Protein backbone atom coordinates (compact mmCIF):
# COMPACT_ATOMS: atom_id res chain seq x y z
CA MET A 1 76.59 87.20 77.65
CA LYS A 2 80.15 88.36 78.29
CA LYS A 3 80.67 92.09 78.64
CA THR A 4 83.79 93.94 77.55
CA ILE A 5 85.59 95.47 80.50
CA GLY A 6 88.01 98.40 80.21
CA PHE A 7 91.03 99.30 82.32
CA ILE A 8 93.03 102.49 82.40
CA GLY A 9 96.48 101.75 83.70
CA LEU A 10 98.13 98.38 84.20
CA GLY A 11 100.02 99.01 87.40
CA VAL A 12 100.24 96.44 90.17
CA MET A 13 96.49 96.31 90.80
CA GLY A 14 95.21 96.89 87.25
CA LYS A 15 97.45 94.21 85.73
CA SER A 16 96.31 91.59 88.21
CA MET A 17 92.62 92.43 87.84
CA ALA A 18 92.78 92.52 84.03
CA SER A 19 94.58 89.16 83.93
CA HIS A 20 91.96 87.49 86.14
CA ILE A 21 89.12 88.86 84.02
CA LEU A 22 90.84 87.70 80.81
CA ASN A 23 91.30 84.23 82.31
CA ASP A 24 87.55 84.14 83.02
CA GLY A 25 86.94 84.62 79.29
CA HIS A 26 85.76 88.24 79.23
CA PRO A 27 87.04 90.62 76.55
CA VAL A 28 89.22 93.34 78.07
CA LEU A 29 90.27 96.69 76.61
CA VAL A 30 93.26 98.38 78.21
CA TYR A 31 95.03 101.70 78.03
CA THR A 32 98.46 102.09 79.52
CA ARG A 33 101.27 104.48 78.75
CA THR A 34 103.86 101.70 78.77
CA LYS A 35 103.72 99.37 75.76
CA GLU A 36 105.78 96.76 77.62
CA LYS A 37 103.03 96.31 80.25
CA ARG A 38 100.38 95.93 77.55
CA LYS A 39 102.32 93.08 75.88
CA HIS A 40 102.21 90.95 79.04
CA THR A 41 98.43 91.22 79.33
CA SER A 42 97.40 90.53 75.72
CA LYS A 43 96.40 87.10 74.44
């Protein structure tokens, strides 16, 4: 069972961690103030 994981902020560390978790097949919810950063993380 894959759990949804949430991140607040996609700075240097958050972006890397969220990307690795997405690549492992887990659903990820993110909140970031900058829409541009969110675009690079979405599938």
